[in-house]
Amino acid sequence: MSTLATLAVLALAALHVYILVLEMFLWTTPRARAAFGTSAEFAAASKALAANQGLYNGFLAAGLVWGAVASDPVGFRVSVFFLVCVAIAGLYGAATASRKILFVQTVPALAALALVLLAR
C-alpha cells in the first residue's frame, strides 16, 4: 500500500477508536450526548447498548490497523475487507439512525478504499 493509503486507513482506525471511547466510556457525558444527539435520560437507559456498539467499533479499528501494518498481500486484503465493513455499517447507520453517519463513516471509508485500490 502507498503511504497515503496507509495513512487514510490509520486515520479511519483512529476515528473508530474515538467512537469506541465515546460509546464505551463517555456515553452519558455532555460531549457524547451532543455528538450523538441524545438526552441524559436516553443515554443513561442505553449505556450498556452503547458500550456494546463501542466494542464493535473497536473491532473495526483493530482490523483497520492490522490491514495498515501487515505486509501485502495480507495487508491489502484485510484493509479492503475492513474498509468495506465500515462502509456497509455506515450505510446501515445512515439508513436507520442518522444521515450524518453517511458523511462521518461511509464517505471516509470509501475514500480510503479508493486510495487502497488505486495503490495496488
PDB file of N, CA and C in Angstrom:
ATOM      1  N   MET A   1       0.850  -1.187   0.000  1.00  0.00           N
ATOM      2  CA  MET A   1       0.000   0.000   0.000  1.00  0.00           C
ATOM      3  C   MET A   1       0.885   1.235   0.000  1.00  0.00           C
ATOM      4  N   SER A   2       0.393   2.281  -0.610  1.00  0.00           N
ATOM      5  CA  SER A   2       1.124   3.542  -0.598  1.00  0.00           C
ATOM      6  C   SER A   2       1.038   4.178   0.787  1.00  0.00           C
ATOM      7  N   THR A   3       1.906   5.119   1.016  1.00  0.00           N
ATOM      8  CA  THR A   3       1.896   5.841   2.299  1.00  0.00           C
ATOM      9  C   THR A   3       0.572   6.568   2.502  1.00  0.00           C
ATOM     10  N   LEU A   4       0.064   7.175   1.452  1.00  0.00           N
ATOM     11  CA  LEU A   4      -1.202   7.904   1.562  1.00  0.00           C
ATOM     12  C   LEU A   4      -2.354   6.960   1.902  1.00  0.00           C
ATOM     13  N   ALA A   5      -2.402   5.808   1.251  1.00  0.00           N
ATOM     14  CA  ALA A   5      -3.451   4.831   1.539  1.00  0.00           C
ATOM     15  C   ALA A   5      -3.331   4.330   2.973  1.00  0.00           C
ATOM     16  N   THR A   6      -2.116   4.050   3.405  1.00  0.00           N
ATOM     17  CA  THR A   6      -1.897   3.587   4.782  1.00  0.00           C
ATOM     18  C   THR A   6      -2.343   4.638   5.785  1.00  0.00           C
ATOM     19  N   LEU A   7      -1.993   5.893   5.524  1.00  0.00           N
ATOM     20  CA  LEU A   7      -2.413   6.977   6.427  1.00  0.00           C
ATOM     21  C   LEU A   7      -3.931   7.121   6.464  1.00  0.00           C
ATOM     22  N   ALA A   8      -4.582   6.944   5.326  1.00  0.00           N
ATOM     23  CA  ALA A   8      -6.051   7.032   5.287  1.00  0.00           C
ATOM     24  C   ALA A   8      -6.686   5.911   6.106  1.00  0.00           C
ATOM     25  N   VAL A   9      -6.142   4.709   5.988  1.00  0.00           N
ATOM     26  CA  VAL A   9      -6.666   3.576   6.760  1.00  0.00           C
ATOM     27  C   VAL A   9      -6.435   3.817   8.250  1.00  0.00           C
ATOM     28  N   LEU A  10      -5.258   4.304   8.609  1.00  0.00           N
ATOM     29  CA  LEU A  10      -4.966   4.567  10.030  1.00  0.00           C
ATOM     30  C   LEU A  10      -5.816   5.716  10.572  1.00  0.00           C
ATOM     31  N   ALA A  11      -6.099   6.711   9.746  1.00  0.00           N
ATOM     32  CA  ALA A  11      -6.976   7.808  10.190  1.00  0.00           C
ATOM     33  C   ALA A  11      -8.378   7.294  10.469  1.00  0.00           C
ATOM     34  N   LEU A  12      -8.861   6.422   9.611  1.00  0.00           N
ATOM     35  CA  LEU A  12     -10.188   5.838   9.841  1.00  0.00           C
ATOM     36  C   LEU A  12     -10.174   4.970  11.099  1.00  0.00           C
ATOM     37  N   ALA A  13      -9.084   4.258  11.328  1.00  0.00           N
ATOM     38  CA  ALA A  13      -8.961   3.470  12.563  1.00  0.00           C
ATOM     39  C   ALA A  13      -9.013   4.388  13.780  1.00  0.00           C
ATOM     40  N   ALA A  14      -8.315   5.518  13.711  1.00  0.00           N
ATOM     41  CA  ALA A  14      -8.326   6.472  14.826  1.00  0.00           C
ATOM     42  C   ALA A  14      -9.735   7.003  15.077  1.00  0.00           C
ATOM     43  N   LEU A  15     -10.481   7.271  14.009  1.00  0.00           N
ATOM     44  CA  LEU A  15     -11.870   7.713  14.157  1.00  0.00           C
ATOM     45  C   LEU A  15     -12.688   6.666  14.910  1.00  0.00           C
ATOM     46  N   HIS A  16     -12.478   5.400  14.590  1.00  0.00           N
ATOM     47  CA  HIS A  16     -13.253   4.352  15.246  1.00  0.00           C
ATOM     48  C   HIS A  16     -12.809   4.124  16.687  1.00  0.00           C
ATOM     49  N   VAL A  17     -11.561   4.395  16.984  1.00  0.00           N
ATOM     50  CA  VAL A  17     -11.122   4.364  18.390  1.00  0.00           C
ATOM     51  C   VAL A  17     -11.818   5.495  19.152  1.00  0.00           C
ATOM     52  N   TYR A  18     -11.906   6.658  18.526  1.00  0.00           N
ATOM     53  CA  TYR A  18     -12.598   7.788  19.153  1.00  0.00           C
ATOM     54  C   TYR A  18     -14.076   7.458  19.403  1.00  0.00           C
ATOM     55  N   ILE A  19     -14.723   6.842  18.422  1.00  0.00           N
ATOM     56  CA  ILE A  19     -16.113   6.437  18.597  1.00  0.00           C
ATOM     57  C   ILE A  19     -16.225   5.412  19.719  1.00  0.00           C
ATOM     58  N   LEU A  20     -15.273   4.475  19.774  1.00  0.00           N
ATOM     59  CA  LEU A  20     -15.245   3.492  20.872  1.00  0.00           C
ATOM     60  C   LEU A  20     -15.222   4.201  22.221  1.00  0.00           C
ATOM     61  N   VAL A  21     -14.351   5.180  22.366  1.00  0.00           N
ATOM     62  CA  VAL A  21     -14.230   5.907  23.638  1.00  0.00           C
ATOM     63  C   VAL A  21     -15.540   6.624  23.962  1.00  0.00           C
ATOM     64  N   LEU A  22     -16.119   7.291  22.969  1.00  0.00           N
ATOM     65  CA  LEU A  22     -17.386   7.983  23.205  1.00  0.00           C
ATOM     66  C   LEU A  22     -18.474   7.014  23.651  1.00  0.00           C
ATOM     67  N   GLU A  23     -18.585   5.875  22.968  1.00  0.00           N
ATOM     68  CA  GLU A  23     -19.681   4.955  23.246  1.00  0.00           C
ATOM     69  C   GLU A  23     -19.447   4.101  24.489  1.00  0.00           C
ATOM     70  N   MET A  24     -18.213   3.711  24.736  1.00  0.00           N
ATOM     71  CA  MET A  24     -17.960   2.811  25.869  1.00  0.00           C
ATOM     72  C   MET A  24     -17.728   3.545  27.186  1.00  0.00           C
ATOM     73  N   PHE A  25     -17.094   4.710  27.126  1.00  0.00           N
ATOM     74  CA  PHE A  25     -16.653   5.352  28.363  1.00  0.00           C
ATOM     75  C   PHE A  25     -17.267   6.728  28.614  1.00  0.00           C
ATOM     76  N   LEU A  26     -17.696   7.411  27.567  1.00  0.00           N
ATOM     77  CA  LEU A  26     -18.186   8.783  27.731  1.00  0.00           C
ATOM     78  C   LEU A  26     -19.652   8.945  27.345  1.00  0.00           C
ATOM     79  N   TRP A  27     -20.362   7.844  27.181  1.00  0.00           N
ATOM     80  CA  TRP A  27     -21.713   7.861  26.631  1.00  0.00           C
ATOM     81  C   TRP A  27     -22.651   8.838  27.327  1.00  0.00           C
ATOM     82  N   THR A  28     -22.567   8.944  28.625  1.00  0.00           N
ATOM     83  CA  THR A  28     -23.512   9.791  29.366  1.00  0.00           C
ATOM     84  C   THR A  28     -23.000  11.213  29.567  1.00  0.00           C
ATOM     85  N   THR A  29     -21.833  11.537  29.038  1.00  0.00           N
ATOM     86  CA  THR A  29     -21.286  12.889  29.200  1.00  0.00           C
ATOM     87  C   THR A  29     -21.914  13.840  28.189  1.00  0.00           C
ATOM     88  N   PRO A  30     -21.867  15.137  28.480  1.00  0.00           N
ATOM     89  CA  PRO A  30     -22.412  16.113  27.526  1.00  0.00           C
ATOM     90  C   PRO A  30     -21.749  16.019  26.144  1.00  0.00           C
ATOM     91  N   ARG A  31     -20.470  15.735  26.100  1.00  0.00           N
ATOM     92  CA  ARG A  31     -19.757  15.642  24.818  1.00  0.00           C
ATOM     93  C   ARG A  31     -20.337  14.528  23.938  1.00  0.00           C
ATOM     94  N   ALA A  32     -20.500  13.345  24.499  1.00  0.00           N
ATOM     95  CA  ALA A  32     -21.040  12.218  23.737  1.00  0.00           C
ATOM     96  C   ALA A  32     -22.508  12.441  23.412  1.00  0.00           C
ATOM     97  N   ARG A  33     -23.251  12.999  24.353  1.00  0.00           N
ATOM     98  CA  ARG A  33     -24.672  13.246  24.092  1.00  0.00           C
ATOM     99  C   ARG A  33     -24.834  14.243  22.950  1.00  0.00           C
ATOM    100  N   ALA A  34     -23.963  15.244  22.892  1.00  0.00           N
ATOM    101  CA  ALA A  34     -24.019  16.208  21.788  1.00  0.00           C
ATOM    102  C   ALA A  34     -23.623  15.552  20.468  1.00  0.00           C
ATOM    103  N   ALA A  35     -22.620  14.712  20.510  1.00  0.00           N
ATOM    104  CA  ALA A  35     -22.161  14.038  19.280  1.00  0.00           C
ATOM    105  C   ALA A  35     -23.232  13.127  18.698  1.00  0.00           C
ATOM    106  N   PHE A  36     -23.984  12.469  19.576  1.00  0.00           N
ATOM    107  CA  PHE A  36     -24.981  11.504  19.120  1.00  0.00           C
ATOM    108  C   PHE A  36     -26.411  12.031  19.211  1.00  0.00           C
ATOM    109  N   GLY A  37     -26.578  13.246  19.717  1.00  0.00           N
ATOM    110  CA  GLY A  37     -27.905  13.844  19.784  1.00  0.00           C
ATOM    111  C   GLY A  37     -28.852  13.143  20.738  1.00  0.00           C
ATOM    112  N   THR A  38     -28.345  12.738  21.900  1.00  0.00           N
ATOM    113  CA  THR A  38     -29.181  12.020  22.864  1.00  0.00           C
ATOM    114  C   THR A  38     -29.425  12.869  24.108  1.00  0.00           C
ATOM    115  N   SER A  39     -30.493  12.539  24.799  1.00  0.00           N
ATOM    116  CA  SER A  39     -30.801  13.198  26.065  1.00  0.00           C
ATOM    117  C   SER A  39     -30.083  12.468  27.193  1.00  0.00           C
ATOM    118  N   ALA A  40     -30.016  13.098  28.336  1.00  0.00           N
ATOM    119  CA  ALA A  40     -29.402  12.464  29.504  1.00  0.00           C
ATOM    120  C   ALA A  40     -30.153  11.197  29.888  1.00  0.00           C
ATOM    121  N   GLU A  41     -31.464  11.235  29.779  1.00  0.00           N
ATOM    122  CA  GLU A  41     -32.282  10.075  30.134  1.00  0.00           C
ATOM    123  C   GLU A  41     -32.026   8.901  29.179  1.00  0.00           C
ATOM    124  N   PHE A  42     -32.013   9.205  27.883  1.00  0.00           N
ATOM    125  CA  PHE A  42     -31.765   8.148  26.912  1.00  0.00           C
ATOM    126  C   PHE A  42     -30.356   7.575  27.084  1.00  0.00           C
ATOM    127  N   ALA A  43     -29.380   8.440  27.297  1.00  0.00           N
ATOM    128  CA  ALA A  43     -28.002   7.983  27.466  1.00  0.00           C
ATOM    129  C   ALA A  43     -27.879   7.055  28.673  1.00  0.00           C
ATOM    130  N   ALA A  44     -28.522   7.418  29.756  1.00  0.00           N
ATOM    131  CA  ALA A  44     -28.475   6.570  30.948  1.00  0.00           C
ATOM    132  C   ALA A  44     -29.144   5.220  30.692  1.00  0.00           C
ATOM    133  N   ALA A  45     -30.260   5.241  29.996  1.00  0.00           N
ATOM    134  CA  ALA A  45     -31.003   4.000  29.745  1.00  0.00           C
ATOM    135  C   ALA A  45     -30.323   3.099  28.723  1.00  0.00           C
ATOM    136  N   SER A  46     -29.510   3.679  27.844  1.00  0.00           N
ATOM    137  CA  SER A  46     -28.905   2.895  26.762  1.00  0.00           C
ATOM    138  C   SER A  46     -27.397   2.710  26.923  1.00  0.00           C
ATOM    139  N   LYS A  47     -26.895   2.937  28.122  1.00  0.00           N
ATOM    140  CA  LYS A  47     -25.448   2.888  28.356  1.00  0.00           C
ATOM    141  C   LYS A  47     -24.836   1.535  27.979  1.00  0.00           C
ATOM    142  N   ALA A  48     -25.462   0.442  28.359  1.00  0.00           N
ATOM    143  CA  ALA A  48     -24.920  -0.886  28.051  1.00  0.00           C
ATOM    144  C   ALA A  48     -24.962  -1.155  26.546  1.00  0.00           C
ATOM    145  N   LEU A  49     -26.024  -0.744  25.890  1.00  0.00           N
ATOM    146  CA  LEU A  49     -26.135  -0.916  24.443  1.00  0.00           C
ATOM    147  C   LEU A  49     -25.044  -0.115  23.726  1.00  0.00           C
ATOM    148  N   ALA A  50     -24.820   1.108  24.167  1.00  0.00           N
ATOM    149  CA  ALA A  50     -23.789   1.950  23.557  1.00  0.00           C
ATOM    150  C   ALA A  50     -22.399   1.342  23.753  1.00  0.00           C
ATOM    151  N   ALA A  51     -22.159   0.786  24.925  1.00  0.00           N
ATOM    152  CA  ALA A  51     -20.859   0.149  25.174  1.00  0.00           C
ATOM    153  C   ALA A  51     -20.654  -1.029  24.230  1.00  0.00           C
ATOM    154  N   ASN A  52     -21.708  -1.764  23.953  1.00  0.00           N
ATOM    155  CA  ASN A  52     -21.624  -2.868  23.007  1.00  0.00           C
ATOM    156  C   ASN A  52     -21.288  -2.346  21.606  1.00  0.00           C
ATOM    157  N   GLN A  53     -21.941  -1.284  21.190  1.00  0.00           N
ATOM    158  CA  GLN A  53     -21.628  -0.666  19.899  1.00  0.00           C
ATOM    159  C   GLN A  53     -20.188  -0.194  19.869  1.00  0.00           C
ATOM    160  N   GLY A  54     -19.728   0.370  20.963  1.00  0.00           N
ATOM    161  CA  GLY A  54     -18.345   0.834  21.045  1.00  0.00           C
ATOM    162  C   GLY A  54     -17.357  -0.294  20.860  1.00  0.00           C
ATOM    163  N   LEU A  55     -17.673  -1.437  21.442  1.00  0.00           N
ATOM    164  CA  LEU A  55     -16.801  -2.600  21.296  1.00  0.00           C
ATOM    165  C   LEU A  55     -16.686  -2.997  19.826  1.00  0.00           C
ATOM    166  N   TYR A  56     -17.795  -2.985  19.108  1.00  0.00           N
ATOM    167  CA  TYR A  56     -17.762  -3.305  17.678  1.00  0.00           C
ATOM    168  C   TYR A  56     -16.912  -2.296  16.909  1.00  0.00           C
ATOM    169  N   ASN A  57     -16.996  -1.033  17.276  1.00  0.00           N
ATOM    170  CA  ASN A  57     -16.147  -0.033  16.636  1.00  0.00           C
ATOM    171  C   ASN A  57     -14.680  -0.297  16.928  1.00  0.00           C
ATOM    172  N   GLY A  58     -14.405  -0.808  18.106  1.00  0.00           N
ATOM    173  CA  GLY A  58     -13.032  -1.188  18.436  1.00  0.00           C
ATOM    174  C   GLY A  58     -12.530  -2.330  17.568  1.00  0.00           C
ATOM    175  N   PHE A  59     -13.400  -3.293  17.290  1.00  0.00           N
ATOM    176  CA  PHE A  59     -13.012  -4.388  16.399  1.00  0.00           C
ATOM    177  C   PHE A  59     -12.721  -3.867  14.991  1.00  0.00           C
ATOM    178  N   LEU A  60     -13.540  -2.923  14.523  1.00  0.00           N
ATOM    179  CA  LEU A  60     -13.273  -2.326  13.216  1.00  0.00           C
ATOM    180  C   LEU A  60     -11.926  -1.610  13.217  1.00  0.00           C
ATOM    181  N   ALA A  61     -11.653  -0.857  14.270  1.00  0.00           N
ATOM    182  CA  ALA A  61     -10.370  -0.146  14.372  1.00  0.00           C
ATOM    183  C   ALA A  61      -9.206  -1.125  14.384  1.00  0.00           C
ATOM    184  N   ALA A  62      -9.330  -2.208  15.133  1.00  0.00           N
ATOM    185  CA  ALA A  62      -8.261  -3.207  15.194  1.00  0.00           C
ATOM    186  C   ALA A  62      -8.008  -3.821  13.823  1.00  0.00           C
ATOM    187  N   GLY A  63      -9.067  -4.134  13.100  1.00  0.00           N
ATOM    188  CA  GLY A  63      -8.910  -4.689  11.759  1.00  0.00           C
ATOM    189  C   GLY A  63      -8.252  -3.709  10.806  1.00  0.00           C
ATOM    190  N   LEU A  64      -8.616  -2.445  10.907  1.00  0.00           N
ATOM    191  CA  LEU A  64      -8.013  -1.426  10.053  1.00  0.00           C
ATOM    192  C   LEU A  64      -6.523  -1.269  10.352  1.00  0.00           C
ATOM    193  N   VAL A  65      -6.165  -1.276  11.620  1.00  0.00           N
ATOM    194  CA  VAL A  65      -4.742  -1.190  11.985  1.00  0.00           C
ATOM    195  C   VAL A  65      -4.000  -2.416  11.464  1.00  0.00           C
ATOM    196  N   TRP A  66      -4.581  -3.581  11.643  1.00  0.00           N
ATOM    197  CA  TRP A  66      -3.970  -4.813  11.138  1.00  0.00           C
ATOM    198  C   TRP A  66      -3.708  -4.695   9.631  1.00  0.00           C
ATOM    199  N   GLY A  67      -4.702  -4.253   8.895  1.00  0.00           N
ATOM    200  CA  GLY A  67      -4.534  -4.102   7.460  1.00  0.00           C
ATOM    201  C   GLY A  67      -3.457  -3.097   7.096  1.00  0.00           C
ATOM    202  N   ALA A  68      -3.356  -2.026   7.867  1.00  0.00           N
ATOM    203  CA  ALA A  68      -2.377  -0.982   7.573  1.00  0.00           C
ATOM    204  C   ALA A  68      -0.947  -1.427   7.854  1.00  0.00           C
ATOM    205  N   VAL A  69      -0.759  -2.286   8.835  1.00  0.00           N
ATOM    206  CA  VAL A  69       0.613  -2.660   9.219  1.00  0.00           C
ATOM    207  C   VAL A  69       1.059  -4.008   8.654  1.00  0.00           C
ATOM    208  N   ALA A  70       0.133  -4.845   8.206  1.00  0.00           N
ATOM    209  CA  ALA A  70       0.509  -6.152   7.669  1.00  0.00           C
ATOM    210  C   ALA A  70       1.119  -5.985   6.278  1.00  0.00           C
ATOM    211  N   SER A  71       2.040  -6.848   5.971  1.00  0.00           N
ATOM    212  CA  SER A  71       2.627  -6.797   4.634  1.00  0.00           C
ATOM    213  C   SER A  71       1.643  -7.386   3.623  1.00  0.00           C
ATOM    214  N   ASP A  72       1.812  -6.973   2.372  1.00  0.00           N
ATOM    215  CA  ASP A  72       0.933  -7.479   1.314  1.00  0.00           C
ATOM    216  C   ASP A  72       1.316  -8.901   0.951  1.00  0.00           C
ATOM    217  N   PRO A  73       0.383  -9.715   0.528  1.00  0.00           N
ATOM    218  CA  PRO A  73      -0.983  -9.371   0.141  1.00  0.00           C
ATOM    219  C   PRO A  73      -1.961  -9.321   1.302  1.00  0.00           C
ATOM    220  N   VAL A  74      -1.549  -9.773   2.494  1.00  0.00           N
ATOM    221  CA  VAL A  74      -2.476  -9.807   3.636  1.00  0.00           C
ATOM    222  C   VAL A  74      -2.961  -8.408   3.983  1.00  0.00           C
ATOM    223  N   GLY A  75      -2.065  -7.438   4.055  1.00  0.00           N
ATOM    224  CA  GLY A  75      -2.442  -6.075   4.418  1.00  0.00           C
ATOM    225  C   GLY A  75      -3.476  -5.501   3.471  1.00  0.00           C
ATOM    226  N   PHE A  76      -3.271  -5.708   2.185  1.00  0.00           N
ATOM    227  CA  PHE A  76      -4.226  -5.222   1.187  1.00  0.00           C
ATOM    228  C   PHE A  76      -5.589  -5.871   1.389  1.00  0.00           C
ATOM    229  N   ARG A  77      -5.608  -7.176   1.507  1.00  0.00           N
ATOM    230  CA  ARG A  77      -6.879  -7.903   1.634  1.00  0.00           C
ATOM    231  C   ARG A  77      -7.621  -7.542   2.913  1.00  0.00           C
ATOM    232  N   VAL A  78      -6.888  -7.468   4.012  1.00  0.00           N
ATOM    233  CA  VAL A  78      -7.515  -7.115   5.298  1.00  0.00           C
ATOM    234  C   VAL A  78      -8.035  -5.679   5.255  1.00  0.00           C
ATOM    235  N   SER A  79      -7.256  -4.778   4.680  1.00  0.00           N
ATOM    236  CA  SER A  79      -7.703  -3.384   4.569  1.00  0.00           C
ATOM    237  C   SER A  79      -8.984  -3.286   3.758  1.00  0.00           C
ATOM    238  N   VAL A  80      -9.027  -3.956   2.612  1.00  0.00           N
ATOM    239  CA  VAL A  80     -10.224  -3.917   1.777  1.00  0.00           C
ATOM    240  C   VAL A  80     -11.415  -4.480   2.547  1.00  0.00           C
ATOM    241  N   PHE A  81     -11.224  -5.616   3.204  1.00  0.00           N
ATOM    242  CA  PHE A  81     -12.328  -6.226   3.949  1.00  0.00           C
ATOM    243  C   PHE A  81     -12.876  -5.276   5.010  1.00  0.00           C
ATOM    244  N   PHE A  82     -12.005  -4.718   5.845  1.00  0.00           N
ATOM    245  CA  PHE A  82     -12.490  -3.874   6.937  1.00  0.00           C
ATOM    246  C   PHE A  82     -13.017  -2.528   6.435  1.00  0.00           C
ATOM    247  N   LEU A  83     -12.451  -1.990   5.363  1.00  0.00           N
ATOM    248  CA  LEU A  83     -12.992  -0.750   4.804  1.00  0.00           C
ATOM    249  C   LEU A  83     -14.400  -0.972   4.248  1.00  0.00           C
ATOM    250  N   VAL A  84     -14.616  -2.107   3.621  1.00  0.00           N
ATOM    251  CA  VAL A  84     -15.958  -2.432   3.130  1.00  0.00           C
ATOM    252  C   VAL A  84     -16.909  -2.618   4.316  1.00  0.00           C
ATOM    253  N   CYS A  85     -16.437  -3.278   5.371  1.00  0.00           N
ATOM    254  CA  CYS A  85     -17.275  -3.440   6.579  1.00  0.00           C
ATOM    255  C   CYS A  85     -17.681  -2.089   7.147  1.00  0.00           C
ATOM    256  N   VAL A  86     -16.727  -1.159   7.242  1.00  0.00           N
ATOM    257  CA  VAL A  86     -17.027   0.179   7.771  1.00  0.00           C
ATOM    258  C   VAL A  86     -18.034   0.888   6.865  1.00  0.00           C
ATOM    259  N   ALA A  87     -17.831   0.800   5.562  1.00  0.00           N
ATOM    260  CA  ALA A  87     -18.743   1.471   4.630  1.00  0.00           C
ATOM    261  C   ALA A  87     -20.158   0.909   4.745  1.00  0.00           C
ATOM    262  N   ILE A  88     -20.281  -0.410   4.829  1.00  0.00           N
ATOM    263  CA  ILE A  88     -21.607  -1.035   4.950  1.00  0.00           C
ATOM    264  C   ILE A  88     -22.254  -0.666   6.284  1.00  0.00           C
ATOM    265  N   ALA A  89     -21.481  -0.704   7.354  1.00  0.00           N
ATOM    266  CA  ALA A  89     -22.022  -0.306   8.665  1.00  0.00           C
ATOM    267  C   ALA A  89     -22.479   1.146   8.625  1.00  0.00           C
ATOM    268  N   GLY A  90     -21.730   1.993   7.942  1.00  0.00           N
ATOM    269  CA  GLY A  90     -22.117   3.390   7.813  1.00  0.00           C
ATOM    270  C   GLY A  90     -23.394   3.571   7.013  1.00  0.00           C
ATOM    271  N   LEU A  91     -23.549   2.791   5.942  1.00  0.00           N
ATOM    272  CA  LEU A  91     -24.788   2.846   5.164  1.00  0.00           C
ATOM    273  C   LEU A  91     -25.980   2.422   6.003  1.00  0.00           C
ATOM    274  N   TYR A  92     -25.804   1.352   6.759  1.00  0.00           N
ATOM    275  CA  TYR A  92     -26.896   0.882   7.612  1.00  0.00           C
ATOM    276  C   TYR A  92     -27.218   1.928   8.688  1.00  0.00           C
ATOM    277  N   GLY A  93     -26.195   2.474   9.299  1.00  0.00           N
ATOM    278  CA  GLY A  93     -26.415   3.502  10.315  1.00  0.00           C
ATOM    279  C   GLY A  93     -27.090   4.741   9.753  1.00  0.00           C
ATOM    280  N   ALA A  94     -26.691   5.123   8.541  1.00  0.00           N
ATOM    281  CA  ALA A  94     -27.315   6.289   7.908  1.00  0.00           C
ATOM    282  C   ALA A  94     -28.782   6.029   7.591  1.00  0.00           C
ATOM    283  N   ALA A  95     -29.094   4.787   7.216  1.00  0.00           N
ATOM    284  CA  ALA A  95     -30.473   4.442   6.880  1.00  0.00           C
ATOM    285  C   ALA A  95     -31.353   4.281   8.112  1.00  0.00           C
ATOM    286  N   THR A  96     -30.760   3.880   9.236  1.00  0.00           N
ATOM    287  CA  THR A  96     -31.575   3.553  10.406  1.00  0.00           C
ATOM    288  C   THR A  96     -31.442   4.524  11.574  1.00  0.00           C
ATOM    289  N   ALA A  97     -30.338   5.247  11.656  1.00  0.00           N
ATOM    290  CA  ALA A  97     -30.124   6.096  12.830  1.00  0.00           C
ATOM    291  C   ALA A  97     -30.000   7.576  12.483  1.00  0.00           C
ATOM    292  N   SER A  98     -29.020   7.920  11.654  1.00  0.00           N
ATOM    293  CA  SER A  98     -28.778   9.327  11.336  1.00  0.00           C
ATOM    294  C   SER A  98     -28.047   9.437  10.001  1.00  0.00           C
ATOM    295  N   ARG A  99     -28.511  10.321   9.141  1.00  0.00           N
ATOM    296  CA  ARG A  99     -27.838  10.530   7.849  1.00  0.00           C
ATOM    297  C   ARG A  99     -26.422  11.036   8.037  1.00  0.00           C
ATOM    298  N   LYS A 100     -26.156  11.662   9.173  1.00  0.00           N
ATOM    299  CA  LYS A 100     -24.814  12.179   9.470  1.00  0.00           C
ATOM    300  C   LYS A 100     -23.765  11.068   9.399  1.00  0.00           C
ATOM    301  N   ILE A 101     -24.156   9.843   9.738  1.00  0.00           N
ATOM    302  CA  ILE A 101     -23.230   8.717   9.733  1.00  0.00           C
ATOM    303  C   ILE A 101     -22.674   8.475   8.331  1.00  0.00           C
ATOM    304  N   LEU A 102     -23.463   8.774   7.332  1.00  0.00           N
ATOM    305  CA  LEU A 102     -23.008   8.618   5.952  1.00  0.00           C
ATOM    306  C   LEU A 102     -21.740   9.434   5.704  1.00  0.00           C
ATOM    307  N   PHE A 103     -21.708  10.647   6.230  1.00  0.00           N
ATOM    308  CA  PHE A 103     -20.578  11.544   5.995  1.00  0.00           C
ATOM    309  C   PHE A 103     -19.435  11.328   6.982  1.00  0.00           C
ATOM    310  N   VAL A 104     -19.755  10.851   8.163  1.00  0.00           N
ATOM    311  CA  VAL A 104     -18.730  10.625   9.179  1.00  0.00           C
ATOM    312  C   VAL A 104     -18.029   9.285   8.980  1.00  0.00           C
ATOM    313  N   GLN A 105     -18.756   8.298   8.498  1.00  0.00           N
ATOM    314  CA  GLN A 105     -18.223   6.941   8.441  1.00  0.00           C
ATOM    315  C   GLN A 105     -18.104   6.405   7.010  1.00  0.00           C
ATOM    316  N   THR A 106     -19.170   6.460   6.238  1.00  0.00           N
ATOM    317  CA  THR A 106     -19.163   5.823   4.922  1.00  0.00           C
ATOM    318  C   THR A 106     -18.259   6.551   3.931  1.00  0.00           C
ATOM    319  N   VAL A 107     -18.394   7.855   3.829  1.00  0.00           N
ATOM    320  CA  VAL A 107     -17.584   8.604   2.861  1.00  0.00           C
ATOM    321  C   VAL A 107     -16.087   8.445   3.149  1.00  0.00           C
ATOM    322  N   PRO A 108     -15.627   8.607   4.400  1.00  0.00           N
ATOM    323  CA  PRO A 108     -14.196   8.380   4.645  1.00  0.00           C
ATOM    324  C   PRO A 108     -13.748   6.944   4.335  1.00  0.00           C
ATOM    325  N   ALA A 109     -14.608   5.971   4.633  1.00  0.00           N
ATOM    326  CA  ALA A 109     -14.258   4.571   4.341  1.00  0.00           C
ATOM    327  C   ALA A 109     -14.119   4.357   2.841  1.00  0.00           C
ATOM    328  N   LEU A 110     -15.028   4.921   2.053  1.00  0.00           N
ATOM    329  CA  LEU A 110     -14.956   4.763   0.601  1.00  0.00           C
ATOM    330  C   LEU A 110     -13.762   5.509   0.016  1.00  0.00           C
ATOM    331  N   ALA A 111     -13.428   6.665   0.581  1.00  0.00           N
ATOM    332  CA  ALA A 111     -12.244   7.412   0.117  1.00  0.00           C
ATOM    333  C   ALA A 111     -10.971   6.606   0.413  1.00  0.00           C
ATOM    334  N   ALA A 112     -10.879   6.054   1.626  1.00  0.00           N
ATOM    335  CA  ALA A 112      -9.721   5.233   1.961  1.00  0.00           C
ATOM    336  C   ALA A 112      -9.665   3.983   1.088  1.00  0.00           C
ATOM    337  N   LEU A 113     -10.815   3.377   0.822  1.00  0.00           N
ATOM    338  CA  LEU A 113     -10.871   2.206  -0.038  1.00  0.00           C
ATOM    339  C   LEU A 113     -10.367   2.549  -1.443  1.00  0.00           C
ATOM    340  N   ALA A 114     -10.780   3.678  -1.966  1.00  0.00           N
ATOM    341  CA  ALA A 114     -10.314   4.104  -3.288  1.00  0.00           C
ATOM    342  C   ALA A 114      -8.798   4.267  -3.295  1.00  0.00           C
ATOM    343  N   LEU A 115      -8.254   4.858  -2.243  1.00  0.00           N
ATOM    344  CA  LEU A 115      -6.786   5.030  -2.166  1.00  0.00           C
ATOM    345  C   LEU A 115      -6.081   3.680  -2.101  1.00  0.00           C
ATOM    346  N   VAL A 116      -6.632   2.756  -1.330  1.00  0.00           N
ATOM    347  CA  VAL A 116      -6.040   1.425  -1.215  1.00  0.00           C
ATOM    348  C   VAL A 116      -6.077   0.715  -2.570  1.00  0.00           C
ATOM    349  N   LEU A 117      -7.213   0.786  -3.249  1.00  0.00           N
ATOM    350  CA  LEU A 117      -7.350   0.098  -4.542  1.00  0.00           C
ATOM    351  C   LEU A 117      -6.468   0.747  -5.614  1.00  0.00           C
ATOM    352  N   LEU A 118      -6.365   2.069  -5.598  1.00  0.00           N
ATOM    353  CA  LEU A 118      -5.528   2.767  -6.570  1.00  0.00           C
ATOM    354  C   LEU A 118      -4.035   2.512  -6.338  1.00  0.00           C
ATOM    355  N   ALA A 119      -3.675   2.247  -5.088  1.00  0.00           N
ATOM    356  CA  ALA A 119      -2.274   1.981  -4.760  1.00  0.00           C
ATOM    357  C   ALA A 119      -1.834   0.579  -5.152  1.00  0.00           C
ATOM    358  N   ARG A 120      -2.778  -0.244  -5.502  1.00  0.00           N
ATOM    359  CA  ARG A 120      -2.500  -1.657  -5.831  1.00  0.00           C
ATOM    360  C   ARG A 120      -1.750  -1.763  -7.105  1.00  0.00           C
TER     361      ARG A 120
END
